[in-house]
């Protein structure tokens, strides 16, 4: 009798891995949604950019509670032509060049995530800007990737930047539904007002204006003030000012 053939070991199929890399567009949207969490957060990012640009006048306009349109205009240094194509790219910044620079940071922003995240979340972002010394300004529109898709010449009074964010949360429908509720819109406009109140007191020398089409009673202007006392008076009123008392802290509180 012949011997039975030996069993042949069949090659085992390679196990299917369950981890896959997310598409770049999804990563950008998820990252942007972590930064741009509300209307007031968008205003905060844009106002801080204005302050860092040396602006002395900042005006914020909200249309439909900021969901339809957020407009921030300043008289800061403007955006140079050579920076325009990078200003809305993630982690492009003029504030730091390495992590150690954070220890000596003098600006409000430094991560280079603000405009990039806003572009990812909103339907449309446009900027008109003019650098001091230029005879005319330029207007730019970015897509969701933070890339310039259109450019044109525009008139501009003086120097500075005007940024318009239209269709906020278009690409995050659940968040848009949350902030589309009347109560949420009113809360966000109040949050924006509180934010500007804070900056107006902390930065007495700055002139702020807030305009809201849905809440005209919240429209507000704070003139530039000479000191903190005058800023508190302009923002919070005489009764609040009278209830406060000045306090002086040592330069280094750790040694106090």
Protein backbone atom coordinates (compact mmCIF):
# COMPACT_ATOMS: atom_id res chain seq x y z
CA UNK A 1 0.00 0.00 0.00
CA UNK A 2 1.25 3.46 -0.80
CA UNK A 3 1.79 5.97 1.94
CA UNK A 4 -0.79 8.74 2.39
CA UNK A 5 0.36 12.14 1.11
CA UNK A 6 1.58 14.54 3.73
CA UNK A 7 -0.76 17.47 4.43
CA UNK A 8 0.25 20.66 2.73
CA UNK A 9 0.30 23.79 4.90
CA UNK A 10 -1.67 26.50 3.18
CA UNK A 11 -0.40 30.10 3.54
CA UNK A 12 -2.39 32.04 6.10
CA UNK A 13 -4.08 35.20 4.94
CA UNK A 14 -2.55 38.35 6.35
CA UNK A 15 -4.80 39.87 9.04
CA UNK A 16 -6.69 42.93 7.94
CA UNK A 17 -5.63 46.00 9.93
CA UNK A 18 -8.44 48.05 11.37
CA UNK A 19 -6.55 51.38 11.49
CA UNK A 20 -6.50 53.63 8.46
CA UNK A 21 -5.30 57.17 7.93
CA UNK A 22 -8.03 59.78 7.66
CA UNK A 23 -8.21 61.86 4.48
CA UNK A 24 -6.55 65.25 4.77
CA UNK A 25 -9.91 67.02 4.28
CA UNK A 26 -11.40 65.13 7.23
CA UNK A 27 -8.41 65.90 9.44
CA UNK A 28 -8.68 69.57 8.56
CA UNK A 29 -12.40 69.64 9.35
CA UNK A 30 -12.02 67.80 12.67
CA UNK A 31 -9.12 70.02 13.72
CA UNK A 32 -10.98 73.15 12.70
CA UNK A 33 -14.06 72.09 14.66
CA UNK A 34 -11.93 71.83 17.81
CA UNK A 35 -10.68 75.41 17.40
CA UNK A 36 -13.84 77.05 16.05
CA UNK A 37 -16.37 76.00 18.67
CA UNK A 38 -18.68 79.04 18.63
CA UNK A 39 -19.37 82.44 17.12
CA UNK A 40 -17.60 84.15 20.02
CA UNK A 41 -14.54 81.96 19.47
CA UNK A 42 -14.31 83.13 15.86
CA UNK A 43 -14.56 86.75 16.99
CA UNK A 44 -11.88 86.11 19.62
CA UNK A 45 -9.48 84.70 17.03
CA UNK A 46 -10.04 87.61 14.65
CA UNK A 47 -9.92 90.37 17.28
CA UNK A 48 -6.69 88.98 18.69
CA UNK A 49 -5.22 89.02 15.19
CA UNK A 50 -6.21 92.68 14.96
CA UNK A 51 -4.62 93.51 18.31
CA UNK A 52 -1.44 91.64 17.39
CA UNK A 53 -1.35 93.66 14.14
CA UNK A 54 -1.16 96.87 16.16
CA UNK A 55 -4.72 98.05 15.53
CA UNK A 56 -6.11 100.92 17.59
CA UNK A 57 -9.64 100.73 16.16
CA UNK A 58 -11.55 97.43 15.87
CA UNK A 59 -15.15 97.06 14.69
CA UNK A 60 -17.15 93.82 14.90
CA UNK A 61 -20.39 93.27 12.97
CA UNK A 62 -22.67 90.25 13.45
CA UNK A 63 -25.41 89.29 10.98
CA UNK A 64 -27.98 86.76 12.19
CA UNK A 65 -26.09 86.26 15.42
CA UNK A 66 -22.85 85.71 13.50
CA UNK A 67 -24.04 82.59 11.67
CA UNK A 68 -24.76 84.39 8.43
CA UNK A 69 -21.82 86.78 8.62
CA UNK A 70 -19.07 87.97 10.95
CA UNK A 71 -17.14 91.07 9.91
CA UNK A 72 -14.08 92.35 11.76
CA UNK A 73 -12.41 95.52 10.55
CA UNK A 74 -9.26 97.11 11.96
CA UNK A 75 -6.64 99.76 11.22
CA UNK A 76 -3.70 97.49 11.94
CA UNK A 77 -0.62 96.86 9.85
CA UNK A 78 -2.45 94.82 7.19
CA UNK A 79 -1.30 91.62 5.46
CA UNK A 80 1.67 91.82 3.13
CA UNK A 81 1.27 90.36 -0.36
CA UNK A 82 4.04 87.82 0.23
CA UNK A 83 2.19 86.42 3.26
CA UNK A 84 -1.30 86.17 1.78
CA UNK A 85 -0.95 82.64 0.41
CA UNK A 86 0.23 81.31 3.78
CA UNK A 87 -1.88 83.26 6.27
CA UNK A 88 -4.70 80.66 6.23
CA UNK A 89 -2.46 77.61 6.12
CA UNK A 90 -2.28 75.57 9.35
CA UNK A 91 0.65 76.34 11.64
CA UNK A 92 2.07 79.17 9.58
CA UNK A 93 2.83 81.96 12.03
CA UNK A 94 5.06 84.98 12.45
CA UNK A 95 4.83 84.84 16.25
CA UNK A 96 7.23 81.98 17.05
CA UNK A 97 9.83 79.90 15.23
CA UNK A 98 10.26 77.14 17.84
CA UNK A 99 8.64 75.94 21.06
CA UNK A 100 11.13 77.78 23.28
CA UNK A 101 9.88 81.10 21.88
CA UNK A 102 6.67 80.69 23.90
CA UNK A 103 8.57 81.67 27.05
CA UNK A 104 9.11 85.18 25.65
CA UNK A 105 5.83 85.53 23.78
CA UNK A 106 4.32 89.02 23.66
CA UNK A 107 1.38 88.36 21.33
CA UNK A 108 -2.09 86.95 22.00
CA UNK A 109 -1.92 84.32 19.26
CA UNK A 110 0.95 82.15 18.12
CA UNK A 111 -0.27 78.71 16.92
CA UNK A 112 -1.26 79.65 13.37
CA UNK A 113 -4.56 77.77 13.62
CA UNK A 114 -7.20 80.50 13.71
CA UNK A 115 -7.76 81.45 10.06
CA UNK A 116 -7.04 77.92 8.87
CA UNK A 117 -9.74 76.51 11.14
CA UNK A 118 -12.24 79.23 10.23
CA UNK A 119 -11.76 78.47 6.52
CA UNK A 120 -12.40 74.77 7.16
CA UNK A 121 -15.64 75.42 9.06
CA UNK A 122 -17.19 78.37 7.20
CA UNK A 123 -18.70 78.59 3.75
CA UNK A 124 -16.59 81.55 2.66
CA UNK A 125 -13.79 83.71 4.03
CA UNK A 126 -12.80 86.98 2.38
CA UNK A 127 -10.16 89.50 3.39
CA UNK A 128 -9.54 93.00 2.14
CA UNK A 129 -6.26 94.45 3.32
CA UNK A 130 -3.88 97.31 2.74
CA UNK A 131 -0.39 97.79 4.11
CA UNK A 132 0.71 101.27 5.12
CA UNK A 133 2.29 103.06 2.18
CA UNK A 134 0.31 101.18 -0.48
CA UNK A 135 -1.93 103.23 -2.78
CA UNK A 136 -4.64 100.55 -3.05
CA UNK A 137 -5.71 97.45 -1.18
CA UNK A 138 -6.25 93.88 -2.30
CA UNK A 139 -9.18 91.56 -1.71
CA UNK A 140 -8.74 87.78 -1.37
CA UNK A 141 -11.05 84.81 -0.97
CA UNK A 142 -9.97 81.48 0.50
CA UNK A 143 -11.42 77.99 0.07
CA UNK A 144 -11.87 75.35 2.78
CA UNK A 145 -8.20 74.37 2.42
CA UNK A 146 -7.05 77.91 3.19
CA UNK A 147 -5.87 78.46 -0.37
CA UNK A 148 -6.45 81.70 -2.27
CA UNK A 149 -9.05 81.15 -5.00
CA UNK A 150 -9.60 84.76 -6.09
CA UNK A 151 -7.79 88.08 -5.87
CA UNK A 152 -8.71 91.58 -6.93
CA UNK A 153 -7.82 95.19 -6.31
CA UNK A 154 -10.05 97.11 -3.92
CA UNK A 155 -10.30 100.58 -2.45
CA UNK A 156 -9.26 100.83 1.18
CA UNK A 157 -9.40 103.81 3.47
CA UNK A 158 -5.98 103.98 5.11
CA UNK A 159 -4.36 100.72 6.13
CA UNK A 160 -5.58 97.63 7.95
CA UNK A 161 -7.68 94.52 7.37
CA UNK A 162 -11.35 93.74 6.87
CA UNK A 163 -12.24 90.06 7.18
CA UNK A 164 -15.66 88.59 6.42
CA UNK A 165 -16.66 85.10 7.51
CA UNK A 166 -19.86 83.97 5.79
CA UNK A 167 -21.89 80.82 6.43
CA UNK A 168 -20.28 79.78 9.69
CA UNK A 169 -20.58 76.04 10.50
CA UNK A 170 -21.71 75.16 6.96
CA UNK A 171 -19.49 72.08 7.05
CA UNK A 172 -20.51 71.04 10.58
CA UNK A 173 -24.32 70.77 10.30
CA UNK A 174 -24.94 69.50 13.84
CA UNK A 175 -23.17 72.48 15.37
CA UNK A 176 -24.98 74.79 12.98
CA UNK A 177 -28.34 73.46 14.18
CA UNK A 178 -27.32 74.06 17.79
CA UNK A 179 -26.31 77.67 17.20
CA UNK A 180 -29.27 78.37 14.91
CA UNK A 181 -31.68 78.29 17.84
CA UNK A 182 -32.84 81.79 18.88
CA UNK A 183 -31.64 81.36 22.46
CA UNK A 184 -28.19 80.22 21.31
CA UNK A 185 -27.88 83.18 18.93
CA UNK A 186 -28.73 85.62 21.71
CA UNK A 187 -26.27 83.93 24.06
CA UNK A 188 -23.46 84.13 21.52
CA UNK A 189 -24.06 87.83 20.84
CA UNK A 190 -23.91 88.43 24.59
CA UNK A 191 -20.70 86.39 24.73
CA UNK A 192 -19.18 88.53 21.98
CA UNK A 193 -20.15 91.67 23.88
CA UNK A 194 -18.57 90.33 27.08
CA UNK A 195 -15.43 89.45 25.13
CA UNK A 196 -15.12 92.97 23.74
CA UNK A 197 -15.85 94.44 27.18
CA UNK A 198 -12.88 92.47 28.54
CA UNK A 199 -10.51 93.63 25.81
CA UNK A 200 -11.77 97.20 26.09
CA UNK A 201 -10.83 97.25 29.79
CA UNK A 202 -7.56 95.36 29.44
CA UNK A 203 -6.52 97.53 26.49
CA UNK A 204 -7.73 101.05 27.39
CA UNK A 205 -6.04 102.62 24.38
CA UNK A 206 -8.18 100.67 21.89
CA UNK A 207 -11.42 101.86 20.29
CA UNK A 208 -14.05 99.10 19.95
CA UNK A 209 -17.40 98.97 18.16
CA UNK A 210 -19.97 96.16 18.16
CA UNK A 211 -22.93 96.07 15.78
CA UNK A 212 -25.58 93.32 15.71
CA UNK A 213 -28.55 93.27 13.35
CA UNK A 214 -30.57 90.90 15.56
CA UNK A 215 -29.77 92.61 18.86
CA UNK A 216 -29.47 96.36 18.15
CA UNK A 217 -29.82 97.06 21.86
CA UNK A 218 -26.38 95.49 22.26
CA UNK A 219 -24.76 97.83 19.72
CA UNK A 220 -21.93 99.46 21.57
CA UNK A 221 -18.94 101.73 21.13
CA UNK A 222 -16.05 102.32 23.50
CA UNK A 223 -13.75 105.22 22.75
CA UNK A 224 -10.02 104.98 23.33
CA UNK A 225 -9.23 105.76 26.98
CA UNK A 226 -6.16 107.23 28.61
CA UNK A 227 -5.98 104.72 31.45
CA UNK A 228 -7.68 101.76 33.11
CA UNK A 229 -9.95 103.93 35.25
CA UNK A 230 -11.35 105.73 32.22
CA UNK A 231 -11.78 102.43 30.39
CA UNK A 232 -13.83 100.96 33.26
CA UNK A 233 -15.95 104.11 33.29
CA UNK A 234 -16.60 103.87 29.55
CA UNK A 235 -17.42 100.15 29.61
CA UNK A 236 -19.09 99.47 32.96
CA UNK A 237 -20.31 102.89 34.04
CA UNK A 238 -19.86 105.24 36.96
CA UNK A 239 -21.65 103.09 39.57
CA UNK A 240 -19.30 100.17 38.97
CA UNK A 241 -16.25 102.43 38.93
CA UNK A 242 -17.21 103.89 42.31
CA UNK A 243 -17.48 100.41 43.81
CA UNK A 244 -13.92 99.52 42.85
CA UNK A 245 -10.73 100.42 44.61
CA UNK A 246 -7.24 100.52 43.09
CA UNK A 247 -4.73 97.81 44.00
CA UNK A 248 -1.05 97.64 43.16
CA UNK A 249 0.69 94.32 42.75
CA UNK A 250 4.47 93.72 42.83
CA UNK A 251 6.12 93.09 39.46
CA UNK A 252 6.92 89.50 40.46
CA UNK A 253 3.98 88.01 42.35
CA UNK A 254 5.96 84.84 43.11
CA UNK A 255 8.19 86.76 45.49
CA UNK A 256 5.39 88.70 47.17
